[in-house]
């Protein structure tokens, strides 16, 4: 679908103000030539295309480093910037290179072992460090600008600054501001000139906005250094400036979803998924490249409440699976360029081969990482699987908790907290995770713990512990005794993701899913004794949860007694290397179970 600005305004005036949503429909570029139906006879017209990606998350190749094979999913999608590069070149050949731009909406340097390797194993910010593969690939493809994503901050500001220096394009973040001066810590916008065959240049501005959740999710890295005001607030500040600077076209590249919500449970200072709110509330925006939500929006038209104009939103699927195209048609009228039509469509990377230039450029780094993740670190006496971990106490989560307990116990030895009972939390991050019987490699640990969380330890009372477990148990759908049990429908109540459910070791308890949320934890004991409200415990906990991620009660404000900066995944690898073998007999006991009125569910 192509939005005709004039007809949209006419419809809007007739229908009154409100939110307009349009279904998606791919429009061939040939249907929108310069001088198309939106123009007036005799007027100068110009058509150009802005291409967009988002949430690449370290994917250059169509490769799964965990399975050590080509990427595949249930829909047989392909991934990777090497395939996107081929689509980009096709569009440039069709439109003319001078009539195209390429932008990104963030989350670039975290998400695969390829990205992790050059952040932690062979870091780009070390003296004489390598060029990050994502910088090299994006430079080769020819990006014009990219917004910052929240995961850009996972490895700390120094590494992000090193990445920024390696990029031939700016990293934009109008709402990533210095905590002291409140001035932008990164370029707020990118402005360029397109040169039509006739008429003056077209000034195009791209405003970059990132996610306010960074303040919570990466609190250890950014607290006291950076603040993250709301997207609507900062867009309202910068869009008028861009227009006053002569911008004929204003795009927003927003690392923020479009549905107006925030992550389940997270008490963010501002709306997390605010892209549509920005379009609705801030006049002067022509289109928004949406990111962060890992969903596909081919085209959504939002009506600005103040002007009645339609704003086109599009989000390509993550990991390089899709490429968004914003097709613009402008007309020169009354001494300025005016947007007449704008539409968005999406190209699928399954239709493209990998660009050999990009693949060859990064092949050495790719092979190095493949060798790294296939490093044998020990053995396992049996196969451990995570497919049932969301609703059964399984050895694979107990294994994570064993590693975390050993690590914190060693760190607290000789301190005032060494004698307190030590508990640990683990979440079923990936139901597909498997530790095979026999040889175990680093790639299995990458599948088991895909996030780059670090480990800490905090103090909780018995009463706080019960609140914590009650909140975690809201993950389950209330199910009456006698009702059929469908494991697939038992979890993710109210949309709560798996990573916001915690299984605890060090205490025993049952979760009665027949009861309403808030009244489900029964038989909570430690050393076979009921947990007293005033008892004290140390909880080994990842930094996401510790900083408030998921909004679990008490934990963010609890006293921290220890923390380190090493990723939990690497801590697990080192544990296996030290112990040689993973044997569930050494650590697995069933300490929690689901019940209904006292009867076990499984």
Protein backbone atom coordinates (compact mmCIF):
# COMPACT_ATOMS: atom_id res chain seq x y z
CA UNK A 1 0.00 0.00 0.00
CA UNK A 2 1.19 3.50 -0.80
CA UNK A 3 0.07 6.42 1.31
CA UNK A 4 -1.06 9.40 -0.77
CA UNK A 5 -0.59 12.35 1.57
CA UNK A 6 -3.23 14.54 -0.06
CA UNK A 7 -5.97 11.94 -0.21
CA UNK A 8 -5.13 10.82 3.34
CA UNK A 9 -5.57 14.36 4.62
CA UNK A 10 -8.87 14.66 2.80
CA UNK A 11 -10.12 11.41 4.32
CA UNK A 12 -8.85 12.48 7.72
CA UNK A 13 -10.70 15.77 7.59
CA UNK A 14 -13.92 13.94 6.73
CA UNK A 15 -13.54 11.20 9.29
CA UNK A 16 -12.12 13.23 12.19
CA UNK A 17 -8.96 12.68 14.19
CA UNK A 18 -7.94 9.19 15.26
CA UNK A 19 -5.55 6.37 14.75
CA UNK A 20 -5.44 4.87 11.26
CA UNK A 21 -4.01 1.44 10.70
CA UNK A 22 -3.40 0.02 7.26
CA UNK A 23 -2.89 -3.60 6.37
CA UNK A 24 0.27 -4.64 4.63
CA UNK A 25 0.55 -5.07 0.91
CA UNK A 26 3.73 -5.19 -1.10
CA UNK A 27 3.80 -2.59 -3.88
CA UNK A 28 6.22 -3.20 -6.74
CA UNK A 29 8.65 -0.36 -7.24
CA UNK A 30 7.53 -0.12 -10.85
CA UNK A 31 4.10 0.96 -9.60
CA UNK A 32 5.62 4.09 -8.06
CA UNK A 33 7.70 5.84 -10.70
CA UNK A 34 8.77 9.44 -10.37
CA UNK A 35 5.82 11.42 -11.61
CA UNK A 36 3.28 8.85 -10.39
CA UNK A 37 -0.37 9.44 -9.66
CA UNK A 38 0.28 11.62 -6.64
CA UNK A 39 1.98 14.36 -8.71
CA UNK A 40 0.54 17.32 -10.56
CA UNK A 41 1.18 17.84 -14.28
CA UNK A 42 4.18 20.04 -15.01
CA UNK A 43 5.64 19.85 -11.49
CA UNK A 44 9.17 18.55 -10.80
CA UNK A 45 8.97 15.12 -9.19
CA UNK A 46 11.51 12.83 -7.58
CA UNK A 47 11.36 9.27 -6.24
CA UNK A 48 13.84 7.61 -3.91
CA UNK A 49 14.01 4.65 -1.52
CA UNK A 50 15.26 4.28 2.04
CA UNK A 51 16.16 0.71 2.99
CA UNK A 52 16.16 -0.45 6.60
CA UNK A 53 17.24 -3.35 8.79
CA UNK A 54 17.01 -3.88 12.52
CA UNK A 55 18.03 -6.27 15.28
CA UNK A 56 20.82 -7.89 13.30
CA UNK A 57 22.25 -9.22 16.59
CA UNK A 58 25.60 -10.24 15.21
CA UNK A 59 24.24 -12.25 12.28
CA UNK A 60 26.49 -11.94 9.24
CA UNK A 61 26.17 -15.46 7.84
CA UNK A 62 23.22 -17.79 7.42
CA UNK A 63 24.73 -19.89 10.19
CA UNK A 64 23.67 -21.23 13.59
CA UNK A 65 26.74 -21.42 15.83
CA UNK A 66 24.86 -23.50 18.42
CA UNK A 67 23.83 -26.30 16.02
CA UNK A 68 27.02 -25.83 13.96
CA UNK A 69 24.98 -25.84 10.76
CA UNK A 70 23.10 -23.54 8.40
CA UNK A 71 20.37 -21.61 10.15
CA UNK A 72 16.87 -23.03 9.88
CA UNK A 73 13.57 -22.54 11.66
CA UNK A 74 10.01 -23.80 11.32
CA UNK A 75 9.35 -21.36 8.48
CA UNK A 76 12.73 -22.04 6.84
CA UNK A 77 13.84 -18.42 7.11
CA UNK A 78 17.37 -17.36 6.32
CA UNK A 79 19.41 -14.89 8.34
CA UNK A 80 22.45 -12.70 8.00
CA UNK A 81 23.77 -9.45 6.66
CA UNK A 82 25.51 -11.23 3.77
CA UNK A 83 22.10 -12.06 2.29
CA UNK A 84 20.73 -8.60 3.05
CA UNK A 85 23.71 -7.16 1.14
CA UNK A 86 22.54 -8.90 -2.01
CA UNK A 87 19.05 -7.43 -1.66
CA UNK A 88 20.52 -3.98 -1.04
CA UNK A 89 22.58 -4.14 -4.20
CA UNK A 90 19.54 -5.22 -6.20
CA UNK A 91 17.60 -2.18 -4.98
CA UNK A 92 20.52 0.14 -5.71
CA UNK A 93 20.79 -1.18 -9.25
CA UNK A 94 17.06 -0.75 -9.77
CA UNK A 95 16.73 2.72 -8.23
CA UNK A 96 20.17 4.11 -8.84
CA UNK A 97 22.67 4.22 -6.01
CA UNK A 98 22.26 7.99 -5.61
CA UNK A 99 18.54 7.52 -5.04
CA UNK A 100 18.81 5.15 -2.09
CA UNK A 101 19.83 5.20 1.57
CA UNK A 102 20.42 2.35 4.00
CA UNK A 103 19.76 2.67 7.72
CA UNK A 104 19.42 0.38 10.75
CA UNK A 105 17.36 0.51 13.95
CA UNK A 106 19.80 -1.04 16.40
CA UNK A 107 20.85 -4.15 18.37
CA UNK A 108 23.89 -4.93 16.29
CA UNK A 109 26.83 -6.11 18.41
CA UNK A 110 25.27 -8.79 20.66
CA UNK A 111 23.40 -11.99 20.02
CA UNK A 112 25.66 -14.62 18.43
CA UNK A 113 28.95 -16.24 19.39
CA UNK A 114 30.45 -14.26 16.49
CA UNK A 115 29.53 -11.01 18.24
CA UNK A 116 30.50 -12.31 21.69
CA UNK A 117 33.92 -13.51 20.55
CA UNK A 118 34.98 -10.04 19.44
CA UNK A 119 33.59 -8.44 22.56
CA UNK A 120 35.12 -10.75 25.12
CA UNK A 121 37.52 -13.36 23.70
CA UNK A 122 39.37 -11.17 21.20
CA UNK A 123 37.90 -7.78 22.15
CA UNK A 124 37.90 -4.91 19.73
CA UNK A 125 38.70 -2.39 22.48
CA UNK A 126 41.98 -4.08 23.44
CA UNK A 127 45.22 -2.46 22.19
CA UNK A 128 45.63 -3.52 18.58
CA UNK A 129 42.24 -5.25 18.70
CA UNK A 130 40.47 -6.43 15.55
CA UNK A 131 37.69 -4.69 13.67
CA UNK A 132 34.32 -5.91 14.87
CA UNK A 133 32.76 -8.17 12.22
CA UNK A 134 29.53 -6.16 12.31
CA UNK A 135 31.42 -2.91 11.68
CA UNK A 136 33.35 -4.50 8.82
CA UNK A 137 30.21 -5.99 7.28
CA UNK A 138 28.06 -2.88 7.64
CA UNK A 139 30.83 -0.71 6.23
CA UNK A 140 31.12 -3.04 3.24
CA UNK A 141 27.39 -2.99 2.62
CA UNK A 142 27.40 0.80 2.85
CA UNK A 143 25.14 1.85 5.71
CA UNK A 144 24.41 5.55 6.00
CA UNK A 145 23.32 5.59 9.67
CA UNK A 146 22.20 3.29 12.48
CA UNK A 147 20.29 3.88 15.68
CA UNK A 148 21.62 2.50 18.94
CA UNK A 149 19.86 -0.55 20.36
CA UNK A 150 19.71 -1.50 24.02
CA UNK A 151 22.02 -4.47 23.46
CA UNK A 152 24.73 -2.10 22.21
CA UNK A 153 25.38 -1.36 25.89
CA UNK A 154 25.71 -4.97 27.08
CA UNK A 155 29.51 -4.95 27.00
CA UNK A 156 29.99 -1.50 28.45
CA UNK A 157 30.47 1.96 27.04
CA UNK A 158 34.21 1.61 26.19
CA UNK A 159 33.55 -1.31 23.83
CA UNK A 160 30.61 0.52 22.29
CA UNK A 161 32.83 3.56 21.69
CA UNK A 162 35.42 1.31 20.05
CA UNK A 163 32.72 -0.09 17.77
CA UNK A 164 31.53 3.43 16.99
CA UNK A 165 35.02 4.44 15.88
CA UNK A 166 35.20 1.44 13.54
CA UNK A 167 31.95 2.31 11.77
CA UNK A 168 31.97 4.46 8.64
CA UNK A 169 28.50 5.71 9.58
CA UNK A 170 27.12 7.42 12.69
CA UNK A 171 25.46 5.63 15.60
CA UNK A 172 22.44 7.74 16.47
CA UNK A 173 20.80 8.21 19.84
CA UNK A 174 18.97 11.47 20.44
CA UNK A 175 17.70 10.15 23.78
CA UNK A 176 21.03 8.73 24.99
CA UNK A 177 22.21 11.76 26.94
CA UNK A 178 25.06 12.57 29.29
CA UNK A 179 23.82 12.05 32.85
CA UNK A 180 25.45 15.28 34.03
CA UNK A 181 24.97 17.72 31.17
CA UNK A 182 21.86 16.10 29.56
CA UNK A 183 23.50 16.74 26.19
CA UNK A 184 23.36 13.98 23.55
CA UNK A 185 26.18 11.51 24.11
CA UNK A 186 25.87 10.28 20.52
CA UNK A 187 24.86 12.09 17.32
CA UNK A 188 21.10 12.70 17.52
CA UNK A 189 20.56 12.71 13.77
CA UNK A 190 22.05 12.18 10.33
CA UNK A 191 21.31 14.60 7.51
CA UNK A 192 22.18 14.22 3.86
CA UNK A 193 21.26 15.63 0.47
CA UNK A 194 19.77 13.69 -2.40
CA UNK A 195 20.15 15.28 -5.82
CA UNK A 196 17.19 14.91 -8.19
CA UNK A 197 17.71 15.28 -11.96
CA UNK A 198 15.74 18.51 -11.74
CA UNK A 199 15.29 21.00 -8.96
CA UNK A 200 17.31 21.69 -5.82
CA UNK A 201 18.69 18.97 -3.54
CA UNK A 202 16.35 17.08 -1.23
CA UNK A 203 17.45 17.35 2.39
CA UNK A 204 16.72 14.13 4.25
CA UNK A 205 17.16 13.73 8.01
CA UNK A 206 17.23 10.52 10.04
CA UNK A 207 16.57 10.93 13.77
CA UNK A 208 17.86 8.07 15.91
CA UNK A 209 16.06 7.00 19.09
CA UNK A 210 16.99 4.18 21.44
CA UNK A 211 15.28 2.35 24.26
CA UNK A 212 14.73 3.81 27.75
CA UNK A 213 14.93 0.30 29.21
CA UNK A 214 18.72 0.52 28.96
CA UNK A 215 18.63 2.43 32.24
CA UNK A 216 17.43 -0.76 33.96
CA UNK A 217 18.73 -3.60 31.79
CA UNK A 218 22.30 -2.30 31.66
CA UNK A 219 22.29 -0.29 34.85
CA UNK A 220 25.82 -1.34 35.92
CA UNK A 221 27.23 0.01 32.65
CA UNK A 222 25.29 3.26 32.33
CA UNK A 223 24.31 4.44 35.82
CA UNK A 224 25.75 7.86 36.46
CA UNK A 225 27.07 8.03 32.89
CA UNK A 226 24.03 8.12 30.62
CA UNK A 227 20.33 8.81 30.94
CA UNK A 228 17.61 7.73 28.51
CA UNK A 229 14.62 10.10 28.28
CA UNK A 230 11.43 9.02 26.56
CA UNK A 231 11.28 8.71 22.78
CA UNK A 232 8.27 11.00 22.38
CA UNK A 233 9.92 13.68 24.51
CA UNK A 234 13.14 13.71 22.53
CA UNK A 235 11.45 13.41 19.15
CA UNK A 236 9.34 16.47 20.03
CA UNK A 237 12.58 18.31 20.74
CA UNK A 238 14.50 17.29 17.64
CA UNK A 239 12.00 16.96 14.78
CA UNK A 240 11.16 20.71 14.75
CA UNK A 241 14.88 21.47 14.75
CA UNK A 242 15.43 19.22 11.76
CA UNK A 243 12.58 20.91 9.91
CA UNK A 244 13.99 24.35 10.80
CA UNK A 245 17.33 23.20 9.40
CA UNK A 246 15.62 22.67 6.06
CA UNK A 247 14.85 18.94 6.17
CA UNK A 248 12.38 18.11 3.40
CA UNK A 249 11.95 14.56 4.64
CA UNK A 250 12.28 13.31 8.24
CA UNK A 251 12.61 9.64 9.09
CA UNK A 252 12.90 8.21 12.58
CA UNK A 253 14.99 5.11 13.20
CA UNK A 254 13.63 3.90 16.53
CA UNK A 255 14.86 0.95 18.55
CA UNK A 256 11.40 0.67 20.01
CA UNK A 257 8.42 -1.49 19.13
CA UNK A 258 5.13 -0.16 17.84
CA UNK A 259 2.50 -1.54 20.22
CA UNK A 260 2.77 1.05 23.01
CA UNK A 261 3.63 -1.47 25.72
CA UNK A 262 6.61 -2.23 27.92
CA UNK A 263 8.19 -5.62 28.63
CA UNK A 264 6.21 -7.83 30.93
CA UNK A 265 6.76 -6.64 34.48
CA UNK A 266 9.50 -4.11 33.77
CA UNK A 267 8.90 -0.79 35.51
CA UNK A 268 10.55 1.37 32.89
CA UNK A 269 10.85 5.13 33.30
CA UNK A 270 9.29 5.62 29.85
CA UNK A 271 7.29 3.53 27.37
CA UNK A 272 9.48 0.83 25.87
CA UNK A 273 7.62 0.23 22.60
CA UNK A 274 6.82 3.82 21.67
CA UNK A 275 7.38 4.02 17.89
CA UNK A 276 3.69 4.45 17.07
CA UNK A 277 3.29 6.96 19.90
CA UNK A 278 6.09 9.03 18.41
CA UNK A 279 4.35 9.03 15.03
CA UNK A 280 1.02 9.86 16.64
CA UNK A 281 2.22 12.66 18.92
CA UNK A 282 5.10 14.40 17.13
CA UNK A 283 4.29 16.38 13.94
CA UNK A 284 6.72 16.49 11.05
CA UNK A 285 7.69 12.82 10.73
CA UNK A 286 7.24 11.08 7.38
CA UNK A 287 8.17 7.49 8.26
CA UNK A 288 9.49 5.38 11.13
CA UNK A 289 11.82 2.38 10.90
CA UNK A 290 10.75 0.28 13.89
CA UNK A 291 13.02 -2.07 15.82
CA UNK A 292 13.43 -3.98 19.09
CA UNK A 293 10.25 -6.09 19.05
CA UNK A 294 11.51 -8.83 16.69
CA UNK A 295 8.24 -8.79 14.78
CA UNK A 296 7.42 -8.05 11.14
CA UNK A 297 5.35 -5.02 10.17
CA UNK A 298 5.28 -4.53 6.44
CA UNK A 299 3.30 -1.31 6.65
CA UNK A 300 1.34 0.44 9.36
CA UNK A 301 -0.02 3.95 8.91
CA UNK A 302 -0.47 6.05 12.04
CA UNK A 303 -2.35 9.33 11.94
CA UNK A 304 -0.62 12.22 13.69
CA UNK A 305 -3.11 13.67 16.16
CA UNK A 306 -2.03 17.25 15.64
CA UNK A 307 -1.75 17.43 11.85
CA UNK A 308 -3.94 14.58 10.62
CA UNK A 309 -1.10 13.44 8.37
CA UNK A 310 -0.32 9.78 7.93
CA UNK A 311 3.04 8.42 9.09
CA UNK A 312 4.24 5.11 7.65
CA UNK A 313 5.83 2.58 10.02
CA UNK A 314 7.65 -0.61 9.04
CA UNK A 315 9.66 -3.21 10.95
CA UNK A 316 11.64 -5.88 9.09
CA UNK A 317 12.06 -9.22 10.83
CA UNK A 318 15.18 -9.50 12.98
CA UNK A 319 18.58 -11.12 12.30
CA UNK A 320 18.68 -10.05 8.67
CA UNK A 321 15.63 -12.09 7.69
CA UNK A 322 13.93 -9.13 5.99
CA UNK A 323 14.74 -5.73 4.46
CA UNK A 324 12.28 -2.84 4.64
CA UNK A 325 11.92 -0.44 1.71
CA UNK A 326 10.36 2.99 2.19
CA UNK A 327 9.44 4.31 -1.28
CA UNK A 328 9.05 8.09 -1.37
CA UNK A 329 7.71 10.33 -4.09
CA UNK A 330 8.27 14.08 -3.77
CA UNK A 331 7.00 17.05 -5.73
CA UNK A 332 8.60 20.49 -5.96
CA UNK A 333 5.93 23.06 -5.12
CA UNK A 334 6.04 26.65 -3.88
CA UNK A 335 9.82 26.63 -3.67
CA UNK A 336 10.20 23.42 -1.65
CA UNK A 337 10.03 19.67 -1.93
CA UNK A 338 6.85 18.09 -0.58
CA UNK A 339 6.24 14.40 0.17
CA UNK A 340 3.35 13.32 -2.03
CA UNK A 341 3.31 9.56 -1.48
CA UNK A 342 5.17 7.18 0.78
CA UNK A 343 4.79 3.44 1.16
CA UNK A 344 6.71 0.57 2.68
CA UNK A 345 7.28 -2.99 1.59
CA UNK A 346 9.52 -5.84 2.68
CA UNK A 347 12.00 -8.06 0.87
CA UNK A 348 12.78 -11.58 2.10
CA UNK A 349 16.39 -12.72 2.48
CA UNK A 350 15.36 -16.26 1.52
CA UNK A 351 15.20 -14.99 -2.06
CA UNK A 352 18.88 -13.99 -2.09
CA UNK A 353 22.27 -15.65 -2.14
CA UNK A 354 24.96 -14.41 0.22
CA UNK A 355 26.98 -11.52 -1.15
CA UNK A 356 30.44 -12.97 -1.78
CA UNK A 357 32.14 -9.66 -0.96
CA UNK A 358 30.74 -9.68 2.57
CA UNK A 359 31.13 -13.44 3.03
CA UNK A 360 34.76 -13.42 1.89
CA UNK A 361 35.57 -10.37 4.02
CA UNK A 362 34.37 -12.05 7.22
CA UNK A 363 35.20 -15.70 6.46
CA UNK A 364 38.35 -15.67 8.58
CA UNK A 365 36.57 -14.33 11.65
CA UNK A 366 33.69 -16.74 11.09
CA UNK A 367 36.01 -19.76 10.89
CA UNK A 368 37.82 -18.64 14.03
CA UNK A 369 34.53 -18.51 15.94
CA UNK A 370 33.35 -21.86 14.57
CA UNK A 371 36.59 -23.39 15.85
CA UNK A 372 36.12 -21.65 19.22
CA UNK A 373 32.54 -22.81 19.83
CA UNK A 374 33.48 -26.39 18.90
CA UNK A 375 36.16 -26.49 21.58
CA UNK A 376 35.57 -29.52 23.81
CA UNK A 377 35.42 -28.44 27.46
CA UNK A 378 34.40 -31.71 29.15
CA UNK A 379 31.84 -34.48 29.12
CA UNK A 380 28.34 -35.19 30.39
CA UNK A 381 27.27 -38.52 31.85
CA UNK A 382 23.83 -38.18 30.27
CA UNK A 383 21.81 -35.97 27.95
CA UNK A 384 20.25 -32.95 29.61
CA UNK A 385 17.33 -31.19 27.90
CA UNK A 386 15.50 -27.93 28.55
CA UNK A 387 12.23 -28.63 26.72
CA UNK A 388 10.40 -29.43 29.98
CA UNK A 389 12.31 -26.98 32.17
CA UNK A 390 9.52 -24.35 32.21
CA UNK A 391 7.18 -26.67 34.13
CA UNK A 392 9.35 -29.38 35.71
CA UNK A 393 12.38 -29.29 37.98
CA UNK A 394 15.01 -30.52 35.53
CA UNK A 395 18.72 -31.27 35.84
CA UNK A 396 19.67 -28.72 33.19
CA UNK A 397 18.48 -25.74 35.28
CA UNK A 398 19.90 -27.31 38.42
CA UNK A 399 23.22 -27.41 36.58
CA UNK A 400 23.14 -23.63 36.05
CA UNK A 401 22.23 -23.16 39.70
CA UNK A 402 25.05 -25.47 40.81
CA UNK A 403 27.62 -23.43 38.89
CA UNK A 404 26.26 -20.16 40.26
CA UNK A 405 26.13 -21.51 43.82
CA UNK A 406 29.72 -22.75 43.65
CA UNK A 407 30.89 -19.42 42.24
CA UNK A 408 29.18 -17.25 44.84
CA UNK A 409 30.11 -19.61 47.66
CA UNK A 410 33.80 -19.32 46.76
CA UNK A 411 33.53 -15.56 46.44
CA UNK A 412 31.90 -15.15 49.88
CA UNK A 413 34.26 -17.50 51.70
CA UNK A 414 35.67 -15.76 54.75
CA UNK A 415 33.15 -12.91 54.65
CA UNK A 416 30.34 -12.04 57.06
CA UNK A 417 27.83 -13.63 54.68
CA UNK A 418 29.60 -16.96 54.21
CA UNK A 419 27.43 -18.78 56.77
CA UNK A 420 24.07 -17.67 55.37
CA UNK A 421 22.02 -20.15 53.31
CA UNK A 422 22.88 -19.73 49.64
CA UNK A 423 20.16 -19.94 46.98
CA UNK A 424 20.34 -19.52 43.22
CA UNK A 425 17.94 -18.58 40.40
CA UNK A 426 17.89 -19.81 36.82
CA UNK A 427 15.46 -19.23 33.97
CA UNK A 428 14.55 -21.54 31.06
CA UNK A 429 15.98 -19.16 28.47
CA UNK A 430 15.95 -21.60 25.55
CA UNK A 431 13.66 -24.62 25.49
CA UNK A 432 15.75 -25.97 22.62
CA UNK A 433 18.91 -26.19 24.76
CA UNK A 434 20.51 -29.63 24.96
CA UNK A 435 23.68 -30.83 26.66
CA UNK A 436 24.55 -34.12 24.93
CA UNK A 437 25.79 -37.26 26.57
CA UNK A 438 29.50 -37.53 25.93
CA UNK A 439 31.66 -34.64 24.77
CA UNK A 440 30.46 -31.14 25.59
CA UNK A 441 31.58 -28.02 23.71
CA UNK A 442 31.28 -24.29 24.17
CA UNK A 443 28.45 -24.11 21.66
CA UNK A 444 26.17 -26.15 23.94
CA UNK A 445 26.81 -23.59 26.66
CA UNK A 446 25.93 -20.83 24.18
CA UNK A 447 22.60 -22.55 23.60
CA UNK A 448 22.01 -23.08 27.30
CA UNK A 449 22.77 -19.49 28.32
CA UNK A 450 22.30 -17.26 25.24
CA UNK A 451 22.32 -13.95 27.10
CA UNK A 452 25.44 -12.11 28.23
CA UNK A 453 24.30 -11.77 31.83
CA UNK A 454 26.76 -11.51 34.69
CA UNK A 455 26.45 -12.91 38.20
CA UNK A 456 25.89 -11.22 41.55
CA UNK A 457 24.59 -12.01 45.02
CA UNK A 458 21.94 -10.20 47.06
CA UNK A 459 20.37 -10.55 50.51
CA UNK A 460 16.71 -11.48 50.89
CA UNK A 461 14.61 -12.25 53.95
CA UNK A 462 12.31 -15.25 54.13
CA UNK A 463 9.27 -13.03 53.62
CA UNK A 464 10.89 -11.40 50.60
CA UNK A 465 11.81 -14.80 49.23
CA UNK A 466 8.19 -15.91 49.41
CA UNK A 467 7.08 -12.75 47.57
CA UNK A 468 9.75 -13.40 44.95
CA UNK A 469 8.53 -16.96 44.36
CA UNK A 470 4.87 -15.92 44.29
CA UNK A 471 5.67 -13.37 41.61
CA UNK A 472 7.60 -15.94 39.59
CA UNK A 473 4.67 -18.38 39.87
CA UNK A 474 2.39 -15.89 38.09
CA UNK A 475 4.01 -17.39 34.97
CA UNK A 476 1.56 -20.31 35.16
CA UNK A 477 -2.00 -20.33 33.89
CA UNK A 478 -4.46 -21.06 36.70
CA UNK A 479 -5.69 -24.61 36.12
CA UNK A 480 -8.46 -26.28 38.11
CA UNK A 481 -8.11 -29.82 39.50
CA UNK A 482 -9.37 -32.32 36.98
CA UNK A 483 -8.79 -30.08 33.95
CA UNK A 484 -6.68 -31.54 31.18
CA UNK A 485 -3.07 -30.41 31.25
CA UNK A 486 -1.54 -29.05 28.07
CA UNK A 487 2.12 -28.27 28.83
CA UNK A 488 2.27 -25.83 25.91
CA UNK A 489 -0.65 -23.86 27.34
CA UNK A 490 0.38 -24.04 30.97
CA UNK A 491 3.02 -21.32 30.94
CA UNK A 492 3.52 -17.74 29.70
CA UNK A 493 0.40 -16.48 31.51
CA UNK A 494 -0.49 -12.93 30.46
CA UNK A 495 2.35 -13.02 27.94
CA UNK A 496 5.13 -13.50 30.48
CA UNK A 497 8.21 -14.79 28.60
CA UNK A 498 10.25 -17.77 29.76
CA UNK A 499 13.14 -15.54 30.79
CA UNK A 500 10.89 -13.92 33.39
CA UNK A 501 10.30 -17.16 35.25
CA UNK A 502 12.80 -18.27 37.90
CA UNK A 503 13.42 -21.72 39.34
CA UNK A 504 15.28 -21.58 42.66
CA UNK A 505 17.71 -24.02 44.20
CA UNK A 506 18.61 -24.16 47.91
CA UNK A 507 15.00 -24.30 49.11
CA UNK A 508 12.13 -26.68 48.47
CA UNK A 509 8.62 -25.55 47.55
CA UNK A 510 5.53 -26.40 45.57
CA UNK A 511 3.51 -24.23 43.19
CA UNK A 512 -0.23 -24.86 43.37
CA UNK A 513 -1.50 -23.76 39.95
CA UNK A 514 -5.11 -24.32 40.99
CA UNK A 515 -4.79 -21.25 43.21
CA UNK A 516 -4.95 -17.65 42.02
CA UNK A 517 -1.73 -15.75 41.46
CA UNK A 518 -0.27 -14.57 44.75
CA UNK A 519 -1.41 -17.63 46.70
CA UNK A 520 0.47 -20.46 45.01
CA UNK A 521 3.67 -21.11 46.99
CA UNK A 522 3.27 -23.85 49.59
CA UNK A 523 5.61 -25.95 51.72
CA UNK A 524 8.50 -23.48 51.43
CA UNK A 525 11.32 -25.02 53.46
CA UNK A 526 15.07 -24.87 53.96
CA UNK A 527 16.88 -27.84 55.50
CA UNK A 528 13.46 -29.44 56.06
CA UNK A 529 12.32 -26.50 58.20
CA UNK A 530 9.66 -23.93 57.23
CA UNK A 531 11.23 -20.69 56.07
CA UNK A 532 10.74 -17.98 58.68
CA UNK A 533 9.85 -14.47 57.57
CA UNK A 534 12.93 -13.02 59.30
CA UNK A 535 15.37 -15.63 57.99
CA UNK A 536 18.19 -14.31 55.82
CA UNK A 537 19.38 -15.77 52.55
CA UNK A 538 21.94 -14.96 49.89
CA UNK A 539 20.55 -15.29 46.36
CA UNK A 540 22.89 -15.84 43.41
CA UNK A 541 21.21 -13.81 40.70
CA UNK A 542 21.96 -12.55 37.20
CA UNK A 543 22.42 -8.83 36.60
CA UNK A 544 19.26 -8.48 34.51
CA UNK A 545 17.11 -9.70 37.36
CA UNK A 546 19.21 -7.94 39.98
CA UNK A 547 18.81 -4.57 38.24
CA UNK A 548 15.02 -4.88 38.11
CA UNK A 549 14.49 -6.77 34.86
CA UNK A 550 11.12 -8.47 35.08
CA UNK A 551 10.21 -6.33 38.10
CA UNK A 552 10.57 -9.17 40.60
CA UNK A 553 9.83 -7.82 44.09
CA UNK A 554 12.58 -6.69 46.47
CA UNK A 555 15.56 -7.82 44.42
CA UNK A 556 16.50 -4.50 42.80
CA UNK A 557 16.60 -2.73 46.18
CA UNK A 558 18.20 -5.62 48.10
CA UNK A 559 21.70 -5.29 49.50
CA UNK A 560 24.33 -6.56 47.09
CA UNK A 561 27.07 -8.56 48.78
CA UNK A 562 29.05 -9.55 45.68
CA UNK A 563 29.12 -9.11 41.91
CA UNK A 564 31.50 -9.75 39.05
CA UNK A 565 31.79 -8.71 35.41
CA UNK A 566 32.26 -12.13 33.80
CA UNK A 567 29.40 -13.54 31.75
CA UNK A 568 27.61 -16.44 33.41
CA UNK A 569 28.02 -18.45 30.21
CA UNK A 570 31.80 -18.18 30.51
CA UNK A 571 31.61 -19.04 34.20
CA UNK A 572 29.75 -22.23 33.22
CA UNK A 573 32.42 -23.05 30.62
CA UNK A 574 35.19 -22.61 33.20
CA UNK A 575 33.32 -24.77 35.70
CA UNK A 576 33.04 -27.63 33.20
CA UNK A 577 36.72 -27.29 32.27
CA UNK A 578 37.69 -27.43 35.94
CA UNK A 579 35.43 -30.34 36.92
CA UNK A 580 35.80 -32.29 33.69
CA UNK A 581 32.34 -33.84 33.75
CA UNK A 582 28.71 -32.84 34.22
CA UNK A 583 27.03 -35.51 36.33
CA UNK A 584 23.44 -34.84 37.47
CA UNK A 585 23.98 -37.25 40.34
CA UNK A 586 26.23 -34.60 41.87
CA UNK A 587 23.68 -31.78 41.85
CA UNK A 588 20.17 -32.77 40.83
CA UNK A 589 17.38 -33.22 43.34
CA UNK A 590 13.74 -32.33 42.80
CA UNK A 591 13.24 -29.28 44.99
CA UNK A 592 10.08 -27.83 43.41
CA UNK A 593 7.03 -29.15 41.61
CA UNK A 594 3.66 -28.07 40.29
CA UNK A 595 0.56 -29.25 42.17
CA UNK A 596 -3.21 -28.79 42.11
CA UNK A 597 -4.77 -28.85 45.57
CA UNK A 598 -1.77 -30.83 46.77
CA UNK A 599 -1.74 -33.38 43.95
CA UNK A 600 1.30 -33.36 41.64
CA UNK A 601 0.59 -32.19 38.10
CA UNK A 602 3.30 -34.41 36.62
